[in-house]
C-alpha atoms as a PDB file:
ATOM      1  CA  MET A   1     -35.745  11.781 -70.340  1.00  0.00           C
ATOM      2  CA  GLU A   2     -36.808  11.351 -66.782  1.00  0.00           C
ATOM      3  CA  THR A   3     -34.222  11.438 -64.071  1.00  0.00           C
ATOM      4  CA  ARG A   4     -34.914   9.530 -60.965  1.00  0.00           C
ATOM      5  CA  PHE A   5     -33.201  10.269 -57.782  1.00  0.00           C
ATOM      6  CA  LEU A   6     -32.825   7.299 -55.587  1.00  0.00           C
ATOM      7  CA  SER A   7     -33.218   8.244 -52.018  1.00  0.00           C
ATOM      8  CA  THR A   8     -30.705   6.713 -49.715  1.00  0.00           C
ATOM      9  CA  ARG A   9     -31.748   5.799 -46.281  1.00  0.00           C
ATOM     10  CA  LEU A  10     -29.516   7.265 -43.583  1.00  0.00           C
ATOM     11  CA  GLU A  11     -28.963   4.889 -40.730  1.00  0.00           C
ATOM     12  CA  ARG A  12     -28.877   6.379 -37.301  1.00  0.00           C
ATOM     13  CA  GLY A  13     -27.825   4.727 -34.053  1.00  0.00           C
ATOM     14  CA  PHE A  14     -25.906   1.580 -33.332  1.00  0.00           C
ATOM     15  CA  THR A  15     -26.661  -2.027 -34.031  1.00  0.00           C
ATOM     16  CA  LEU A  16     -26.982  -4.504 -31.238  1.00  0.00           C
ATOM     17  CA  ILE A  17     -23.710  -6.172 -32.292  1.00  0.00           C
ATOM     18  CA  GLU A  18     -21.800  -2.881 -32.070  1.00  0.00           C
ATOM     19  CA  ILE A  19     -23.145  -2.207 -28.591  1.00  0.00           C
ATOM     20  CA  LEU A  20     -22.250  -5.737 -27.433  1.00  0.00           C
ATOM     21  CA  VAL A  21     -18.713  -5.374 -28.776  1.00  0.00           C
ATOM     22  CA  VAL A  22     -18.252  -2.106 -26.876  1.00  0.00           C
ATOM     23  CA  VAL A  23     -19.676  -3.630 -23.686  1.00  0.00           C
ATOM     24  CA  ALA A  24     -17.312  -6.604 -24.022  1.00  0.00           C
ATOM     25  CA  ILE A  25     -14.285  -4.332 -24.507  1.00  0.00           C
ATOM     26  CA  VAL A  26     -15.226  -2.201 -21.498  1.00  0.00           C
ATOM     27  CA  GLY A  27     -15.748  -5.347 -19.421  1.00  0.00           C
ATOM     28  CA  ILE A  28     -12.337  -6.742 -20.327  1.00  0.00           C
ATOM     29  CA  LEU A  29     -10.576  -3.438 -19.601  1.00  0.00           C
ATOM     30  CA  SER A  30     -12.404  -3.122 -16.279  1.00  0.00           C
ATOM     31  CA  ALA A  31     -11.465  -6.652 -15.254  1.00  0.00           C
ATOM     32  CA  ILE A  32      -7.810  -5.731 -15.712  1.00  0.00           C
ATOM     33  CA  ALA A  33      -7.795  -2.104 -14.585  1.00  0.00           C
ATOM     34  CA  VAL A  34      -9.791  -2.293 -11.354  1.00  0.00           C
ATOM     35  CA  PRO A  35      -7.530  -4.818  -9.545  1.00  0.00           C
ATOM     36  CA  VAL A  36      -4.387  -3.031 -10.730  1.00  0.00           C
ATOM     37  CA  TYR A  37      -5.759   0.299  -9.504  1.00  0.00           C
ATOM     38  CA  ARG A  38      -6.785  -1.235  -6.160  1.00  0.00           C
ATOM     39  CA  ASP A  39      -3.240  -2.580  -5.647  1.00  0.00           C
ATOM     40  CA  TYR A  40      -1.794   0.811  -6.587  1.00  0.00           C
ATOM     41  CA  VAL A  41      -3.973   2.558  -3.980  1.00  0.00           C
ATOM     42  CA  THR A  42      -2.973  -0.027  -1.362  1.00  0.00           C
ATOM     43  CA  ARG A  43       0.719   0.510  -2.133  1.00  0.00           C
ATOM     44  CA  ALA A  44       0.237   4.257  -1.712  1.00  0.00           C
ATOM     45  CA  ARG A  45      -1.308   3.684   1.717  1.00  0.00           C
ATOM     46  CA  LEU A  46       1.578   1.438   2.753  1.00  0.00           C
ATOM     47  CA  THR A  47       4.032   4.315   2.396  1.00  0.00           C
ATOM     48  CA  GLU A  48       2.450   5.791   5.515  1.00  0.00           C
ATOM     49  CA  ALA A  49       3.836   2.877   7.540  1.00  0.00           C
ATOM     50  CA  PHE A  50       7.244   3.076   5.875  1.00  0.00           C
ATOM     51  CA  SER A  51       7.672   6.789   6.497  1.00  0.00           C
ATOM     52  CA  GLY A  52       6.360   6.490  10.054  1.00  0.00           C
ATOM     53  CA  LEU A  53       8.725   3.652  10.928  1.00  0.00           C
ATOM     54  CA  GLY A  54      11.633   5.449   9.272  1.00  0.00           C
ATOM     55  CA  SER A  55      10.993   8.555  11.355  1.00  0.00           C
ATOM     56  CA  VAL A  56      10.776   6.440  14.521  1.00  0.00           C
ATOM     57  CA  SER A  57      14.182   4.976  13.828  1.00  0.00           C
ATOM     58  CA  THR A  58      15.707   8.445  13.546  1.00  0.00           C
ATOM     59  CA  ALA A  59      13.907   9.682  16.669  1.00  0.00           C
ATOM     60  CA  ALA A  60      14.987   6.608  18.667  1.00  0.00           C
ATOM     61  CA  GLU A  61      18.636   7.110  17.758  1.00  0.00           C
ATOM     62  CA  ASP A  62      18.373  10.772  18.690  1.00  0.00           C
ATOM     63  CA  TYR A  63      16.837   9.776  22.038  1.00  0.00           C
ATOM     64  CA  TRP A  64      19.588   7.210  22.683  1.00  0.00           C
ATOM     65  CA  ASN A  65      22.341   9.701  21.818  1.00  0.00           C
ATOM     66  CA  THR A  66      20.974  12.419  24.094  1.00  0.00           C
ATOM     67  CA  SER A  67      20.063  10.261  27.093  1.00  0.00           C
ATOM     68  CA  SER A  68      22.528   9.668  29.864  1.00  0.00           C
ATOM     69  CA  PRO A  69      23.293   6.840  30.260  1.00  0.00           C
ATOM     70  CA  HIS A  70      22.541   5.799  26.679  1.00  0.00           C
ATOM     71  CA  THR A  71      19.220   3.953  26.659  1.00  0.00           C
ATOM     72  CA  TYR A  72      16.056   3.385  24.667  1.00  0.00           C
ATOM     73  CA  ASP A  73      14.130   2.842  27.896  1.00  0.00           C
ATOM     74  CA  GLY A  74      11.627   5.676  28.182  1.00  0.00           C
ATOM     75  CA  PHE A  75      11.529   6.370  24.442  1.00  0.00           C
ATOM     76  CA  ASP A  76       7.968   7.217  23.431  1.00  0.00           C
ATOM     77  CA  ARG A  77       8.071   9.382  20.285  1.00  0.00           C
ATOM     78  CA  LEU A  78       5.863   7.376  17.951  1.00  0.00           C
ATOM     79  CA  PRO A  79       4.021   8.643  14.885  1.00  0.00           C
ATOM     80  CA  ALA A  80       0.361   9.478  15.405  1.00  0.00           C
ATOM     81  CA  ASN A  81      -2.064   6.670  14.682  1.00  0.00           C
ATOM     82  CA  SER A  82      -4.182   7.159  11.583  1.00  0.00           C
ATOM     83  CA  ALA A  83      -7.045   5.543   9.726  1.00  0.00           C
ATOM     84  CA  ASN A  84      -4.516   3.263   8.006  1.00  0.00           C
ATOM     85  CA  PHE A  85      -1.921   2.375  10.666  1.00  0.00           C
ATOM     86  CA  THR A  86      -1.406   2.206  14.396  1.00  0.00           C
ATOM     87  CA  PHE A  87       2.120   2.325  15.808  1.00  0.00           C
ATOM     88  CA  ALA A  88       3.244   0.505  18.952  1.00  0.00           C
ATOM     89  CA  LEU A  89       6.554   0.284  20.792  1.00  0.00           C
ATOM     90  CA  SER A  90       7.553  -3.006  22.379  1.00  0.00           C
ATOM     91  CA  GLY A  91      10.585  -4.234  24.219  1.00  0.00           C
ATOM     92  CA  ALA A  92      12.222  -0.878  24.873  1.00  0.00           C
ATOM     93  CA  THR A  93      15.252  -1.569  27.050  1.00  0.00           C
ATOM     94  CA  ALA A  94      18.612   0.091  27.519  1.00  0.00           C
ATOM     95  CA  SER A  95      19.877  -1.428  24.273  1.00  0.00           C
ATOM     96  CA  ALA A  96      16.873  -2.508  22.197  1.00  0.00           C
ATOM     97  CA  TYR A  97      13.447  -1.579  20.917  1.00  0.00           C
ATOM     98  CA  LYS A  98      10.952  -2.711  18.296  1.00  0.00           C
ATOM     99  CA  VAL A  99       8.253  -0.568  16.719  1.00  0.00           C
ATOM    100  CA  THR A 100       5.322  -2.172  14.941  1.00  0.00           C
ATOM    101  CA  ALA A 101       2.996  -0.585  12.386  1.00  0.00           C
ATOM    102  CA  THR A 102      -0.270  -2.520  12.184  1.00  0.00           C
ATOM    103  CA  GLY A 103      -2.622  -1.904   9.271  1.00  0.00           C
ATOM    104  CA  ALA A 104      -6.248  -0.973   9.786  1.00  0.00           C
ATOM    105  CA  GLY A 105      -9.191  -0.292   7.510  1.00  0.00           C
ATOM    106  CA  PRO A 106      -8.229  -0.697   3.846  1.00  0.00           C
ATOM    107  CA  VAL A 107      -4.746  -2.027   4.734  1.00  0.00           C
ATOM    108  CA  ALA A 108      -5.834  -4.394   7.494  1.00  0.00           C
ATOM    109  CA  GLY A 109      -3.614  -7.454   7.635  1.00  0.00           C
ATOM    110  CA  PHE A 110      -0.310  -5.671   7.011  1.00  0.00           C
ATOM    111  CA  VAL A 111       2.177  -5.601   9.907  1.00  0.00           C
ATOM    112  CA  TYR A 112       5.621  -4.010   9.575  1.00  0.00           C
ATOM    113  CA  THR A 113       8.408  -3.703  12.169  1.00  0.00           C
ATOM    114  CA  ILE A 114      11.723  -1.986  12.664  1.00  0.00           C
ATOM    115  CA  ASP A 115      14.216  -2.476  15.498  1.00  0.00           C
ATOM    116  CA  GLN A 116      17.223  -0.676  17.003  1.00  0.00           C
ATOM    117  CA  ASN A 117      19.537  -2.057  14.319  1.00  0.00           C
ATOM    118  CA  GLY A 118      17.320  -0.834  11.503  1.00  0.00           C
ATOM    119  CA  ASN A 119      16.182  -4.358  10.698  1.00  0.00           C
ATOM    120  CA  ARG A 120      12.954  -4.199   8.721  1.00  0.00           C
ATOM    121  CA  ALA A 121      10.406  -7.001   8.608  1.00  0.00           C
ATOM    122  CA  THR A 122       6.981  -7.692   7.167  1.00  0.00           C
ATOM    123  CA  THR A 123       5.505 -10.010   9.755  1.00  0.00           C
ATOM    124  CA  ALA A 124       2.009 -10.277   8.266  1.00  0.00           C
ATOM    125  CA  ALA A 125       0.326  -9.446   4.982  1.00  0.00           C
ATOM    126  CA  PRO A 126      -2.833 -10.383   3.102  1.00  0.00           C
ATOM    127  CA  THR A 127      -2.792 -13.380   0.785  1.00  0.00           C
ATOM    128  CA  GLY A 128      -0.646 -12.836  -2.278  1.00  0.00           C
ATOM    129  CA  TRP A 129       1.589 -10.150  -0.778  1.00  0.00           C
ATOM    130  CA  GLY A 130       4.019 -12.327   1.195  1.00  0.00           C
ATOM    131  CA  THR A 131       6.105 -11.738   4.305  1.00  0.00           C
ATOM    132  CA  SER A 132       9.793 -11.173   4.922  1.00  0.00           C
ATOM    133  CA  THR A 133      12.176 -11.130   7.863  1.00  0.00           C
ATOM    134  CA  SER A 134      14.545  -8.743   6.077  1.00  0.00           C
ATOM    135  CA  CYS A 135      12.448  -6.091   4.302  1.00  0.00           C
ATOM    136  CA  TRP A 136       9.119  -4.311   3.998  1.00  0.00           C
ATOM    137  CA  ILE A 137       6.953  -5.841   1.281  1.00  0.00           C
ATOM    138  CA  ASP A 138       5.203  -3.214  -0.843  1.00  0.00           C
ATOM    139  CA  ARG A 139       4.010  -5.239  -3.847  1.00  0.00           C
ATOM    140  CA  LYS A 140       2.186  -8.486  -4.419  1.00  0.00           C
ATOM    141  CA  GLY A 141       4.557 -11.379  -4.934  1.00  0.00           C
ATOM    142  CA  ALA A 142       6.753 -10.447  -1.942  1.00  0.00           C
ATOM    143  CA  GLN A 143       8.634  -7.588  -3.602  1.00  0.00           C
ATOM    144  CA  CYS A 144      10.556  -5.433  -1.146  1.00  0.00           C
ATOM    145  CA  VAL A 145      10.665  -1.674  -0.797  1.00  0.00           C
ATOM    146  CA  GLN A 146      13.813  -0.309  -2.389  1.00  0.00           C
END
C-alpha cells in the first residue's frame, strides 16, 4: 500500500485585508489620541502661569506688609518670562495691583490675571477653552482650576 503525504502549503505574510484593518485601527486611535495628548501638553504648560501668578500674590502681600506706609506702589517682583508666558504688572497703587500672564508660543492666546484681592480671571483663551471673570480656565469647555 502506498502512502501519500499531502504537502501543506505554509502561508507567510499578511493579506491586504489584514493590513488595511490594522491601518484603519491605527488611524482611528490616532484621531482620538493626538488631540487628547495635545490638550494634555497644553494644560501642563498652563500650570506655569498658575504657579507664577500664585507666587506673585504671595510676594505682593509680603511687599505690602513690609512697606511703610503699606503700599503696592513700587512692587516689582514678577516671575521671569519664559518661552510660554510673559508676566506684567499693571495698576500698582497704594491699595491695588493686577498681574497678567500672557501666553506665547504653544500657549499663545491664553491670558490670566490676579489682583490684590486674589481674584483670578481668564481674560482670553483660544476657541473652545472659554473665559471666566472668577477663575483660571485649565481645560476645554471652560473648566476652572481647582
